[in-house]
Amino acid sequence: MKFQHFYQRAIERKGSETDVLARLPQLATAAQLQALGDDRYLSAITKCVFRAGFVWRIIENKWPGFEEAFSGFVPLYWQQVPPERLEALGNDERIVRNMQKINTVPHNAFMIVEAAEQYGSFGHFLAQWPSNDQVGLLLWLKKNGARLGGASAQYFLRMVGWDGFILSTDVVTALENHRLIDAAPTTRKGLQQVQQVFNQWHAETGLPYAHLSRILSYTLDAR
């Protein structure tokens, strides 16, 4: 199905093309991804991990405390942090004291350091990964990181400006309603079907994947 159908439907529901365009996410250039420090990537990953299954607003409000408690999220330190430091964070009122999520920080720091050693920085690693293989990147993050399966990795990529889709409830519903996928997007087969659909739409329209995803989410009636 041509993406123009979804684009027109989104305009109808949001009122005008201007309203649709004004809501599209901002994306980073390759140079901007490369310029972002590895500490900012660890911070963004950690924020998405803590937001999962929690009230996002609470995490946002407490985030300055997280930055203080985690001393700026320097990956080289956190990949080999002393166990007693992690234990102390479990009693730190500046953050949400969830030890399972606290313990993801060293694992994700190690992932970032490993990629940085090979590519020069984690930003260089992300910048070289093509959007037409987002599924490959999601699987890599799930394999090498901690708690980066599901939507957390997708929201992390969106947060730092990497161009990719987010499989929100509205996006998945639209894909299923139009029979563009026949497997759940939580499986490898389903993810590959989603990737194929977005690759086709990107080739058709030239629009960024993030914009295609956001526009598609606007095609459902408000609930």
N, C-alpha and C. Protein backbone atom coordinates (compact mmCIF):
# COMPACT_ATOMS: atom_id res chain seq x y z
N MET A 1 0.84 -1.20 0.00
CA MET A 1 0.00 0.00 0.00
C MET A 1 0.88 1.25 0.00
N LYS A 2 0.55 2.21 -0.87
CA LYS A 2 1.32 3.45 -0.96
C LYS A 2 1.19 4.27 0.32
N PHE A 3 2.29 4.93 0.68
CA PHE A 3 2.27 5.70 1.92
C PHE A 3 1.40 6.94 1.80
N GLN A 4 1.16 7.41 0.61
CA GLN A 4 0.33 8.59 0.42
C GLN A 4 -1.04 8.41 1.06
N HIS A 5 -1.55 7.20 1.04
CA HIS A 5 -2.84 6.91 1.69
C HIS A 5 -2.78 7.27 3.16
N PHE A 6 -1.72 6.86 3.84
CA PHE A 6 -1.59 7.13 5.27
C PHE A 6 -1.32 8.61 5.54
N TYR A 7 -0.57 9.22 4.64
CA TYR A 7 -0.26 10.64 4.81
C TYR A 7 -1.54 11.47 4.77
N GLN A 8 -2.40 11.20 3.80
CA GLN A 8 -3.65 11.94 3.69
C GLN A 8 -4.56 11.67 4.87
N ARG A 9 -4.56 10.45 5.34
CA ARG A 9 -5.38 10.09 6.49
C ARG A 9 -4.91 10.82 7.75
N ALA A 10 -3.60 10.95 7.90
CA ALA A 10 -3.05 11.68 9.04
C ALA A 10 -3.44 13.15 8.99
N ILE A 11 -3.41 13.74 7.81
CA ILE A 11 -3.79 15.14 7.65
C ILE A 11 -5.26 15.33 8.04
N GLU A 12 -6.11 14.40 7.61
CA GLU A 12 -7.53 14.49 7.94
C GLU A 12 -7.76 14.48 9.45
N ARG A 13 -6.99 13.68 10.15
CA ARG A 13 -7.20 13.53 11.59
C ARG A 13 -6.54 14.63 12.41
N LYS A 14 -5.48 15.23 11.89
CA LYS A 14 -4.80 16.28 12.63
C LYS A 14 -5.24 17.68 12.20
N GLY A 15 -5.99 17.78 11.13
CA GLY A 15 -6.57 19.06 10.73
C GLY A 15 -5.93 19.71 9.53
N SER A 16 -4.61 19.56 9.39
CA SER A 16 -3.93 20.16 8.25
C SER A 16 -2.53 19.55 8.11
N GLU A 17 -1.95 19.75 6.93
CA GLU A 17 -0.59 19.27 6.71
C GLU A 17 0.39 19.98 7.64
N THR A 18 0.14 21.25 7.90
CA THR A 18 1.00 22.01 8.81
C THR A 18 1.01 21.39 10.20
N ASP A 19 -0.16 20.97 10.67
CA ASP A 19 -0.24 20.36 11.99
C ASP A 19 0.54 19.05 12.04
N VAL A 20 0.49 18.29 10.96
CA VAL A 20 1.23 17.02 10.91
C VAL A 20 2.74 17.29 10.92
N LEU A 21 3.17 18.21 10.06
CA LEU A 21 4.60 18.49 9.94
C LEU A 21 5.18 19.06 11.24
N ALA A 22 4.37 19.84 11.95
CA ALA A 22 4.85 20.46 13.18
C ALA A 22 5.11 19.44 14.28
N ARG A 23 4.54 18.27 14.16
CA ARG A 23 4.66 17.24 15.20
C ARG A 23 5.76 16.22 14.92
N LEU A 24 6.45 16.36 13.81
CA LEU A 24 7.44 15.35 13.44
C LEU A 24 8.70 15.49 14.29
N PRO A 25 9.33 14.38 14.65
CA PRO A 25 10.50 14.43 15.54
C PRO A 25 11.72 15.03 14.85
N GLN A 26 12.57 15.65 15.66
CA GLN A 26 13.83 16.19 15.17
C GLN A 26 14.86 15.06 15.10
N LEU A 27 15.66 15.07 14.04
CA LEU A 27 16.66 14.04 13.85
C LEU A 27 18.07 14.62 13.90
N ALA A 28 19.01 13.81 14.30
CA ALA A 28 20.41 14.23 14.35
C ALA A 28 21.10 13.89 13.03
N THR A 29 22.04 14.71 12.62
CA THR A 29 22.89 14.37 11.48
C THR A 29 23.94 13.37 11.95
N ALA A 30 24.63 12.77 10.99
CA ALA A 30 25.71 11.86 11.35
C ALA A 30 26.76 12.58 12.19
N ALA A 31 27.05 13.82 11.82
CA ALA A 31 28.04 14.59 12.57
C ALA A 31 27.58 14.85 14.01
N GLN A 32 26.30 15.10 14.19
CA GLN A 32 25.78 15.33 15.54
C GLN A 32 25.80 14.05 16.38
N LEU A 33 25.48 12.92 15.76
CA LEU A 33 25.58 11.65 16.48
C LEU A 33 27.02 11.38 16.91
N GLN A 34 27.95 11.69 16.03
CA GLN A 34 29.36 11.46 16.33
C GLN A 34 29.89 12.41 17.40
N ALA A 35 29.33 13.60 17.45
CA ALA A 35 29.81 14.61 18.40
C ALA A 35 29.29 14.38 19.81
N LEU A 36 28.19 13.66 19.95
CA LEU A 36 27.62 13.43 21.27
C LEU A 36 28.53 12.51 22.07
N GLY A 37 28.80 12.88 23.30
CA GLY A 37 29.73 12.12 24.13
C GLY A 37 29.18 10.76 24.54
N ASP A 38 30.07 9.81 24.78
CA ASP A 38 29.64 8.49 25.21
C ASP A 38 28.88 8.54 26.53
N ASP A 39 29.21 9.50 27.38
CA ASP A 39 28.48 9.64 28.65
C ASP A 39 27.01 10.00 28.40
N ARG A 40 26.75 10.77 27.34
CA ARG A 40 25.36 11.15 27.04
C ARG A 40 24.59 9.95 26.49
N TYR A 41 25.27 9.08 25.79
CA TYR A 41 24.60 7.87 25.32
C TYR A 41 24.25 6.95 26.49
N LEU A 42 25.16 6.81 27.44
CA LEU A 42 24.86 5.98 28.61
C LEU A 42 23.73 6.61 29.42
N SER A 43 23.71 7.93 29.52
CA SER A 43 22.64 8.62 30.22
C SER A 43 21.30 8.35 29.54
N ALA A 44 21.27 8.48 28.21
CA ALA A 44 20.02 8.28 27.48
C ALA A 44 19.53 6.84 27.59
N ILE A 45 20.44 5.89 27.47
CA ILE A 45 20.06 4.48 27.62
C ILE A 45 19.48 4.24 29.00
N THR A 46 20.14 4.76 30.02
CA THR A 46 19.68 4.55 31.39
C THR A 46 18.31 5.18 31.61
N LYS A 47 18.10 6.35 31.06
CA LYS A 47 16.79 6.99 31.20
C LYS A 47 15.70 6.13 30.58
N CYS A 48 15.96 5.57 29.41
CA CYS A 48 14.95 4.73 28.76
C CYS A 48 14.71 3.44 29.54
N VAL A 49 15.76 2.89 30.12
CA VAL A 49 15.61 1.69 30.94
C VAL A 49 14.73 1.98 32.16
N PHE A 50 14.97 3.11 32.80
CA PHE A 50 14.20 3.45 34.00
C PHE A 50 12.78 3.87 33.66
N ARG A 51 12.56 4.43 32.47
CA ARG A 51 11.20 4.83 32.10
C ARG A 51 10.32 3.63 31.78
N ALA A 52 10.91 2.53 31.34
CA ALA A 52 10.14 1.36 30.93
C ALA A 52 9.28 0.85 32.09
N GLY A 53 7.97 0.79 31.86
CA GLY A 53 7.05 0.30 32.87
C GLY A 53 6.86 1.24 34.04
N PHE A 54 7.26 2.51 33.88
CA PHE A 54 7.16 3.47 34.97
C PHE A 54 6.55 4.75 34.41
N VAL A 55 6.20 5.65 35.29
CA VAL A 55 5.65 6.95 34.87
C VAL A 55 6.80 7.82 34.36
N TRP A 56 6.77 8.13 33.07
CA TRP A 56 7.87 8.87 32.46
C TRP A 56 8.10 10.22 33.14
N ARG A 57 7.02 10.88 33.52
CA ARG A 57 7.15 12.21 34.11
C ARG A 57 7.97 12.19 35.39
N ILE A 58 7.81 11.14 36.17
CA ILE A 58 8.57 11.03 37.43
C ILE A 58 10.06 10.90 37.13
N ILE A 59 10.41 10.09 36.13
CA ILE A 59 11.82 9.92 35.77
C ILE A 59 12.39 11.25 35.27
N GLU A 60 11.62 11.96 34.44
CA GLU A 60 12.09 13.26 33.93
C GLU A 60 12.34 14.23 35.08
N ASN A 61 11.42 14.29 36.02
CA ASN A 61 11.55 15.22 37.13
C ASN A 61 12.75 14.89 38.02
N LYS A 62 13.07 13.61 38.14
CA LYS A 62 14.16 13.19 39.00
C LYS A 62 15.49 13.11 38.26
N TRP A 63 15.49 13.37 36.95
CA TRP A 63 16.70 13.11 36.17
C TRP A 63 17.92 13.91 36.62
N PRO A 64 17.80 15.16 37.01
CA PRO A 64 18.99 15.85 37.53
C PRO A 64 19.62 15.09 38.71
N GLY A 65 18.78 14.48 39.54
CA GLY A 65 19.30 13.67 40.63
C GLY A 65 20.01 12.42 40.14
N PHE A 66 19.49 11.83 39.07
CA PHE A 66 20.17 10.68 38.46
C PHE A 66 21.56 11.08 37.97
N GLU A 67 21.63 12.24 37.30
CA GLU A 67 22.92 12.69 36.78
C GLU A 67 23.93 12.87 37.92
N GLU A 68 23.47 13.40 39.04
CA GLU A 68 24.36 13.58 40.19
C GLU A 68 24.74 12.23 40.79
N ALA A 69 23.76 11.37 40.98
CA ALA A 69 24.02 10.09 41.63
C ALA A 69 24.95 9.21 40.80
N PHE A 70 24.83 9.30 39.48
CA PHE A 70 25.68 8.49 38.61
C PHE A 70 26.90 9.27 38.10
N SER A 71 27.18 10.39 38.71
CA SER A 71 28.40 11.17 38.43
C SER A 71 28.61 11.42 36.93
N GLY A 72 27.51 11.72 36.24
CA GLY A 72 27.63 12.08 34.83
C GLY A 72 27.71 10.91 33.88
N PHE A 73 27.56 9.68 34.35
CA PHE A 73 27.47 8.50 33.47
C PHE A 73 28.71 8.28 32.60
N VAL A 74 29.89 8.39 33.16
CA VAL A 74 31.12 8.15 32.40
C VAL A 74 31.28 6.64 32.19
N PRO A 75 31.20 6.15 30.95
CA PRO A 75 31.21 4.71 30.72
C PRO A 75 32.46 4.00 31.22
N LEU A 76 33.63 4.62 31.08
CA LEU A 76 34.86 3.96 31.51
C LEU A 76 34.86 3.67 33.01
N TYR A 77 34.21 4.52 33.77
CA TYR A 77 34.10 4.26 35.20
C TYR A 77 33.04 3.21 35.49
N TRP A 78 31.87 3.36 34.89
CA TRP A 78 30.74 2.51 35.23
C TRP A 78 30.89 1.08 34.73
N GLN A 79 31.71 0.84 33.72
CA GLN A 79 31.89 -0.53 33.25
C GLN A 79 32.60 -1.40 34.29
N GLN A 80 33.33 -0.77 35.20
CA GLN A 80 34.05 -1.51 36.23
C GLN A 80 33.82 -0.91 37.62
N VAL A 81 32.61 -0.42 37.85
CA VAL A 81 32.26 0.24 39.10
C VAL A 81 32.34 -0.76 40.27
N PRO A 82 32.83 -0.34 41.42
CA PRO A 82 32.86 -1.23 42.58
C PRO A 82 31.44 -1.62 43.01
N PRO A 83 31.24 -2.87 43.41
CA PRO A 83 29.90 -3.33 43.81
C PRO A 83 29.28 -2.48 44.92
N GLU A 84 30.10 -1.98 45.83
CA GLU A 84 29.56 -1.17 46.93
C GLU A 84 28.96 0.14 46.44
N ARG A 85 29.46 0.64 45.31
CA ARG A 85 28.88 1.87 44.75
C ARG A 85 27.47 1.59 44.25
N LEU A 86 27.28 0.46 43.60
CA LEU A 86 25.95 0.08 43.14
C LEU A 86 25.01 -0.15 44.32
N GLU A 87 25.51 -0.79 45.36
CA GLU A 87 24.69 -1.03 46.55
C GLU A 87 24.25 0.28 47.19
N ALA A 88 25.14 1.26 47.20
CA ALA A 88 24.81 2.57 47.78
C ALA A 88 23.70 3.24 46.98
N LEU A 89 23.71 3.06 45.67
CA LEU A 89 22.67 3.66 44.83
C LEU A 89 21.29 3.08 45.15
N GLY A 90 21.28 1.86 45.65
CA GLY A 90 20.02 1.25 46.03
C GLY A 90 19.34 1.95 47.20
N ASN A 91 20.07 2.83 47.88
CA ASN A 91 19.52 3.60 49.00
C ASN A 91 19.54 5.10 48.73
N ASP A 92 19.83 5.48 47.49
CA ASP A 92 19.98 6.88 47.13
C ASP A 92 18.62 7.47 46.75
N GLU A 93 18.13 8.40 47.53
CA GLU A 93 16.80 8.96 47.30
C GLU A 93 16.74 9.91 46.10
N ARG A 94 17.88 10.22 45.53
CA ARG A 94 17.88 11.08 44.35
C ARG A 94 17.37 10.35 43.11
N ILE A 95 17.34 9.02 43.15
CA ILE A 95 16.95 8.24 41.99
C ILE A 95 15.80 7.30 42.36
N VAL A 96 15.29 6.60 41.36
CA VAL A 96 14.33 5.52 41.60
C VAL A 96 15.15 4.29 41.99
N ARG A 97 14.94 3.79 43.18
CA ARG A 97 15.82 2.76 43.75
C ARG A 97 15.39 1.36 43.34
N ASN A 98 15.61 1.06 42.08
CA ASN A 98 15.30 -0.25 41.51
C ASN A 98 16.64 -0.92 41.19
N MET A 99 17.05 -1.89 42.00
CA MET A 99 18.37 -2.48 41.84
C MET A 99 18.53 -3.21 40.51
N GLN A 100 17.47 -3.82 40.02
CA GLN A 100 17.59 -4.50 38.73
C GLN A 100 17.96 -3.52 37.63
N LYS A 101 17.36 -2.34 37.68
CA LYS A 101 17.68 -1.34 36.66
C LYS A 101 19.01 -0.65 36.94
N ILE A 102 19.32 -0.44 38.20
CA ILE A 102 20.63 0.12 38.55
C ILE A 102 21.74 -0.77 38.02
N ASN A 103 21.56 -2.06 38.13
CA ASN A 103 22.59 -3.01 37.71
C ASN A 103 22.76 -3.09 36.20
N THR A 104 21.86 -2.45 35.43
CA THR A 104 22.05 -2.44 33.97
C THR A 104 23.15 -1.46 33.56
N VAL A 105 23.45 -0.49 34.42
CA VAL A 105 24.39 0.56 34.02
C VAL A 105 25.77 0.01 33.70
N PRO A 106 26.37 -0.84 34.54
CA PRO A 106 27.69 -1.39 34.17
C PRO A 106 27.65 -2.19 32.86
N HIS A 107 26.60 -2.96 32.66
CA HIS A 107 26.49 -3.76 31.43
C HIS A 107 26.41 -2.86 30.20
N ASN A 108 25.59 -1.82 30.28
CA ASN A 108 25.45 -0.94 29.13
C ASN A 108 26.67 -0.04 28.95
N ALA A 109 27.35 0.28 30.03
CA ALA A 109 28.60 1.02 29.93
C ALA A 109 29.65 0.18 29.20
N PHE A 110 29.72 -1.10 29.54
CA PHE A 110 30.67 -1.99 28.87
C PHE A 110 30.36 -2.09 27.38
N MET A 111 29.08 -2.17 27.04
CA MET A 111 28.68 -2.21 25.62
C MET A 111 29.16 -0.97 24.89
N ILE A 112 28.99 0.19 25.50
CA ILE A 112 29.40 1.45 24.88
C ILE A 112 30.91 1.51 24.71
N VAL A 113 31.64 1.12 25.75
CA VAL A 113 33.10 1.15 25.69
C VAL A 113 33.62 0.21 24.60
N GLU A 114 33.05 -0.98 24.51
CA GLU A 114 33.47 -1.95 23.50
C GLU A 114 33.26 -1.39 22.09
N ALA A 115 32.09 -0.79 21.85
CA ALA A 115 31.82 -0.22 20.53
C ALA A 115 32.75 0.97 20.25
N ALA A 116 32.99 1.78 21.28
CA ALA A 116 33.86 2.95 21.11
C ALA A 116 35.29 2.54 20.78
N GLU A 117 35.75 1.45 21.37
CA GLU A 117 37.11 0.99 21.08
C GLU A 117 37.25 0.57 19.62
N GLN A 118 36.19 0.05 19.05
CA GLN A 118 36.24 -0.40 17.65
C GLN A 118 35.99 0.73 16.67
N TYR A 119 35.08 1.66 17.01
CA TYR A 119 34.65 2.68 16.05
C TYR A 119 35.13 4.10 16.39
N GLY A 120 35.74 4.27 17.54
CA GLY A 120 36.21 5.59 17.94
C GLY A 120 35.32 6.24 18.98
N SER A 121 34.03 5.99 18.90
CA SER A 121 33.06 6.45 19.89
C SER A 121 31.76 5.72 19.61
N PHE A 122 30.86 5.72 20.61
CA PHE A 122 29.57 5.08 20.38
C PHE A 122 28.77 5.85 19.34
N GLY A 123 28.96 7.16 19.30
CA GLY A 123 28.28 7.97 18.29
C GLY A 123 28.71 7.60 16.88
N HIS A 124 30.00 7.33 16.69
CA HIS A 124 30.47 6.89 15.38
C HIS A 124 29.87 5.53 15.02
N PHE A 125 29.75 4.67 16.02
CA PHE A 125 29.12 3.37 15.79
C PHE A 125 27.68 3.54 15.30
N LEU A 126 26.89 4.37 15.99
CA LEU A 126 25.50 4.58 15.59
C LEU A 126 25.41 5.24 14.22
N ALA A 127 26.28 6.21 13.97
CA ALA A 127 26.21 6.97 12.72
C ALA A 127 26.46 6.10 11.50
N GLN A 128 27.24 5.02 11.66
CA GLN A 128 27.54 4.19 10.49
C GLN A 128 26.50 3.11 10.25
N TRP A 129 25.56 2.95 11.21
CA TRP A 129 24.56 1.89 11.05
C TRP A 129 23.38 2.41 10.23
N PRO A 130 23.05 1.78 9.11
CA PRO A 130 22.00 2.31 8.23
C PRO A 130 20.59 2.10 8.77
N SER A 131 19.73 3.05 8.53
CA SER A 131 18.34 2.96 9.00
C SER A 131 17.57 1.85 8.30
N ASN A 132 18.02 1.43 7.13
CA ASN A 132 17.31 0.35 6.45
C ASN A 132 17.61 -1.01 7.06
N ASP A 133 18.42 -1.01 8.13
CA ASP A 133 18.65 -2.23 8.91
C ASP A 133 18.49 -1.91 10.40
N GLN A 134 17.43 -1.17 10.74
CA GLN A 134 17.18 -0.88 12.15
C GLN A 134 16.99 -2.15 12.96
N VAL A 135 16.36 -3.15 12.35
CA VAL A 135 16.14 -4.41 13.06
C VAL A 135 17.47 -5.01 13.50
N GLY A 136 18.47 -4.95 12.63
CA GLY A 136 19.79 -5.46 12.99
C GLY A 136 20.37 -4.72 14.18
N LEU A 137 20.17 -3.41 14.22
CA LEU A 137 20.67 -2.61 15.34
C LEU A 137 19.91 -2.93 16.62
N LEU A 138 18.60 -3.08 16.52
CA LEU A 138 17.80 -3.43 17.70
C LEU A 138 18.24 -4.78 18.27
N LEU A 139 18.49 -5.74 17.40
CA LEU A 139 18.94 -7.05 17.86
C LEU A 139 20.34 -6.96 18.48
N TRP A 140 21.19 -6.12 17.91
CA TRP A 140 22.53 -5.92 18.47
C TRP A 140 22.45 -5.32 19.87
N LEU A 141 21.61 -4.31 20.04
CA LEU A 141 21.45 -3.67 21.35
C LEU A 141 20.88 -4.65 22.37
N LYS A 142 19.93 -5.46 21.94
CA LYS A 142 19.34 -6.44 22.84
C LYS A 142 20.38 -7.47 23.27
N LYS A 143 21.22 -7.90 22.33
CA LYS A 143 22.22 -8.93 22.62
C LYS A 143 23.35 -8.39 23.50
N ASN A 144 23.79 -7.18 23.24
CA ASN A 144 24.98 -6.66 23.90
C ASN A 144 24.69 -5.79 25.11
N GLY A 145 23.46 -5.31 25.21
CA GLY A 145 23.10 -4.45 26.34
C GLY A 145 22.26 -5.17 27.36
N ALA A 146 21.76 -4.41 28.32
CA ALA A 146 20.90 -4.95 29.38
C ALA A 146 19.58 -4.21 29.37
N ARG A 147 18.48 -4.98 29.35
CA ARG A 147 17.12 -4.43 29.31
C ARG A 147 16.90 -3.52 28.11
N LEU A 148 17.46 -3.89 26.98
CA LEU A 148 17.31 -3.11 25.76
C LEU A 148 16.52 -3.87 24.70
N GLY A 149 15.72 -4.82 25.14
CA GLY A 149 14.78 -5.45 24.25
C GLY A 149 13.49 -4.64 24.24
N GLY A 150 12.53 -5.06 23.46
CA GLY A 150 11.26 -4.35 23.44
C GLY A 150 11.41 -2.93 22.92
N ALA A 151 10.65 -2.03 23.53
CA ALA A 151 10.61 -0.65 23.02
C ALA A 151 11.72 0.24 23.57
N SER A 152 12.42 -0.19 24.62
CA SER A 152 13.42 0.68 25.25
C SER A 152 14.49 1.12 24.26
N ALA A 153 15.00 0.18 23.45
CA ALA A 153 16.03 0.52 22.48
C ALA A 153 15.49 1.47 21.42
N GLN A 154 14.23 1.25 21.01
CA GLN A 154 13.63 2.13 20.01
C GLN A 154 13.52 3.56 20.53
N TYR A 155 13.08 3.71 21.78
CA TYR A 155 12.96 5.05 22.36
C TYR A 155 14.33 5.68 22.59
N PHE A 156 15.32 4.87 22.92
CA PHE A 156 16.68 5.39 23.06
C PHE A 156 17.16 5.98 21.74
N LEU A 157 16.98 5.23 20.66
CA LEU A 157 17.43 5.72 19.35
C LEU A 157 16.70 7.01 18.97
N ARG A 158 15.41 7.06 19.25
CA ARG A 158 14.65 8.28 18.96
C ARG A 158 15.16 9.44 19.83
N MET A 159 15.47 9.17 21.09
CA MET A 159 15.91 10.21 22.02
C MET A 159 17.20 10.89 21.54
N VAL A 160 18.12 10.10 20.97
CA VAL A 160 19.39 10.68 20.54
C VAL A 160 19.34 11.17 19.11
N GLY A 161 18.21 10.98 18.43
CA GLY A 161 18.05 11.51 17.09
C GLY A 161 18.41 10.58 15.96
N TRP A 162 18.67 9.30 16.27
CA TRP A 162 18.93 8.33 15.20
C TRP A 162 17.63 8.07 14.46
N ASP A 163 17.72 7.96 13.14
CA ASP A 163 16.51 7.87 12.33
C ASP A 163 15.96 6.45 12.29
N GLY A 164 14.88 6.22 13.04
CA GLY A 164 14.27 4.90 13.05
C GLY A 164 12.80 4.96 13.44
N PHE A 165 12.11 3.86 13.22
CA PHE A 165 10.70 3.78 13.58
C PHE A 165 10.54 3.38 15.04
N ILE A 166 9.37 3.69 15.60
CA ILE A 166 9.00 3.21 16.93
C ILE A 166 7.71 2.41 16.78
N LEU A 167 7.73 1.20 17.30
CA LEU A 167 6.56 0.33 17.19
C LEU A 167 5.60 0.59 18.35
N SER A 168 5.02 1.78 18.34
CA SER A 168 4.00 2.12 19.32
C SER A 168 2.75 1.30 19.03
N THR A 169 1.82 1.32 19.97
CA THR A 169 0.56 0.60 19.79
C THR A 169 -0.15 1.05 18.52
N ASP A 170 -0.17 2.37 18.26
CA ASP A 170 -0.86 2.89 17.08
C ASP A 170 -0.17 2.43 15.78
N VAL A 171 1.15 2.43 15.77
CA VAL A 171 1.88 2.01 14.57
C VAL A 171 1.62 0.54 14.28
N VAL A 172 1.72 -0.29 15.29
CA VAL A 172 1.49 -1.73 15.11
C VAL A 172 0.05 -1.99 14.67
N THR A 173 -0.90 -1.29 15.29
CA THR A 173 -2.31 -1.47 14.92
C THR A 173 -2.55 -1.10 13.46
N ALA A 174 -1.96 0.01 13.02
CA ALA A 174 -2.13 0.43 11.62
C ALA A 174 -1.53 -0.61 10.66
N LEU A 175 -0.37 -1.13 11.00
CA LEU A 175 0.26 -2.15 10.15
C LEU A 175 -0.59 -3.41 10.09
N GLU A 176 -1.13 -3.80 11.23
CA GLU A 176 -1.94 -5.02 11.27
C GLU A 176 -3.29 -4.81 10.59
N ASN A 177 -3.90 -3.64 10.80
CA ASN A 177 -5.21 -3.38 10.19
C ASN A 177 -5.17 -3.46 8.67
N HIS A 178 -4.02 -3.06 8.10
CA HIS A 178 -3.89 -3.06 6.64
C HIS A 178 -3.14 -4.29 6.15
N ARG A 179 -2.98 -5.26 7.04
CA ARG A 179 -2.39 -6.56 6.71
C ARG A 179 -1.02 -6.40 6.05
N LEU A 180 -0.25 -5.46 6.59
CA LEU A 180 1.10 -5.25 6.08
C LEU A 180 2.10 -6.15 6.78
N ILE A 181 1.70 -6.70 7.92
CA ILE A 181 2.51 -7.70 8.62
C ILE A 181 1.57 -8.81 9.06
N ASP A 182 2.09 -10.02 9.11
CA ASP A 182 1.27 -11.14 9.58
C ASP A 182 1.93 -11.88 10.74
N ALA A 183 2.99 -11.28 11.29
CA ALA A 183 3.65 -11.86 12.45
C ALA A 183 3.83 -10.75 13.49
N ALA A 184 3.79 -11.13 14.75
CA ALA A 184 3.93 -10.14 15.82
C ALA A 184 5.29 -9.46 15.72
N PRO A 185 5.34 -8.12 15.83
CA PRO A 185 6.61 -7.41 15.71
C PRO A 185 7.54 -7.61 16.90
N THR A 186 7.18 -8.52 17.79
CA THR A 186 8.09 -8.90 18.87
C THR A 186 8.97 -10.07 18.46
N THR A 187 8.69 -10.67 17.30
CA THR A 187 9.49 -11.77 16.78
C THR A 187 10.43 -11.26 15.70
N ARG A 188 11.47 -12.05 15.42
CA ARG A 188 12.40 -11.66 14.36
C ARG A 188 11.68 -11.53 13.02
N LYS A 189 10.80 -12.50 12.73
CA LYS A 189 10.06 -12.46 11.47
C LYS A 189 9.20 -11.20 11.38
N GLY A 190 8.49 -10.88 12.47
CA GLY A 190 7.65 -9.69 12.48
C GLY A 190 8.46 -8.42 12.31
N LEU A 191 9.58 -8.33 12.99
CA LEU A 191 10.44 -7.15 12.87
C LEU A 191 10.96 -7.00 11.44
N GLN A 192 11.32 -8.09 10.83
CA GLN A 192 11.82 -8.03 9.45
C GLN A 192 10.72 -7.59 8.50
N GLN A 193 9.48 -8.01 8.75
CA GLN A 193 8.36 -7.56 7.93
C GLN A 193 8.15 -6.06 8.09
N VAL A 194 8.24 -5.57 9.33
CA VAL A 194 8.10 -4.13 9.58
C VAL A 194 9.20 -3.38 8.84
N GLN A 195 10.44 -3.87 8.94
CA GLN A 195 11.56 -3.21 8.27
C GLN A 195 11.33 -3.13 6.77
N GLN A 196 10.83 -4.20 6.20
CA GLN A 196 10.58 -4.23 4.76
C GLN A 196 9.54 -3.18 4.36
N VAL A 197 8.49 -3.06 5.16
CA VAL A 197 7.44 -2.07 4.88
C VAL A 197 8.02 -0.66 4.93
N PHE A 198 8.77 -0.36 5.99
CA PHE A 198 9.33 0.99 6.12
C PHE A 198 10.39 1.27 5.06
N ASN A 199 11.17 0.26 4.69
CA ASN A 199 12.14 0.45 3.62
C ASN A 199 11.44 0.80 2.31
N GLN A 200 10.32 0.14 2.05
CA GLN A 200 9.55 0.42 0.83
C GLN A 200 9.00 1.84 0.86
N TRP A 201 8.45 2.24 1.99
CA TRP A 201 7.90 3.60 2.09
C TRP A 201 8.99 4.65 2.01
N HIS A 202 10.14 4.37 2.58
CA HIS A 202 11.26 5.32 2.51
C HIS A 202 11.71 5.50 1.06
N ALA A 203 11.80 4.40 0.33
CA ALA A 203 12.19 4.48 -1.08
C ALA A 203 11.14 5.23 -1.89
N GLU A 204 9.89 5.06 -1.52
CA GLU A 204 8.77 5.69 -2.24
C GLU A 204 8.71 7.19 -2.00
N THR A 205 8.93 7.61 -0.75
CA THR A 205 8.70 9.01 -0.37
C THR A 205 9.96 9.82 -0.11
N GLY A 206 11.05 9.16 0.24
CA GLY A 206 12.26 9.87 0.64
C GLY A 206 12.19 10.43 2.04
N LEU A 207 11.09 10.15 2.76
CA LEU A 207 10.93 10.66 4.12
C LEU A 207 11.78 9.85 5.09
N PRO A 208 12.27 10.48 6.16
CA PRO A 208 12.99 9.73 7.19
C PRO A 208 12.09 8.67 7.82
N TYR A 209 12.71 7.63 8.32
CA TYR A 209 11.95 6.55 8.94
C TYR A 209 11.18 7.04 10.16
N ALA A 210 11.78 7.93 10.93
CA ALA A 210 11.11 8.47 12.12
C ALA A 210 9.85 9.24 11.75
N HIS A 211 9.89 9.95 10.62
CA HIS A 211 8.72 10.70 10.18
C HIS A 211 7.64 9.76 9.65
N LEU A 212 8.04 8.74 8.93
CA LEU A 212 7.07 7.75 8.47
C LEU A 212 6.35 7.12 9.65
N SER A 213 7.11 6.78 10.66
CA SER A 213 6.55 6.15 11.85
C SER A 213 5.56 7.07 12.56
N ARG A 214 5.95 8.33 12.76
CA ARG A 214 5.08 9.27 13.46
C ARG A 214 3.81 9.54 12.66
N ILE A 215 3.95 9.74 11.36
CA ILE A 215 2.76 9.98 10.53
C ILE A 215 1.82 8.79 10.58
N LEU A 216 2.36 7.60 10.50
CA LEU A 216 1.53 6.40 10.55
C LEU A 216 0.75 6.33 11.85
N SER A 217 1.37 6.75 12.94
CA SER A 217 0.69 6.71 14.24
C SER A 217 -0.48 7.66 14.31
N TYR A 218 -0.52 8.67 13.43
CA TYR A 218 -1.60 9.65 13.42
C TYR A 218 -2.81 9.21 12.60
N THR A 219 -2.73 8.02 12.00
CA THR A 219 -3.81 7.63 11.09
C THR A 219 -4.98 6.97 11.81
N LEU A 220 -4.82 6.66 13.08
CA LEU A 220 -5.91 6.04 13.83
C LEU A 220 -6.77 7.10 14.49
N ASP A 221 -8.03 6.82 14.65
CA ASP A 221 -8.91 7.73 15.36
C ASP A 221 -8.49 7.84 16.80
N ALA A 222 -8.61 9.03 17.37
CA ALA A 222 -8.24 9.24 18.77
C ALA A 222 -9.11 8.38 19.66
N ARG A 223 -8.46 7.85 20.70
CA ARG A 223 -9.21 6.98 21.63
C ARG A 223 -9.35 7.66 22.98
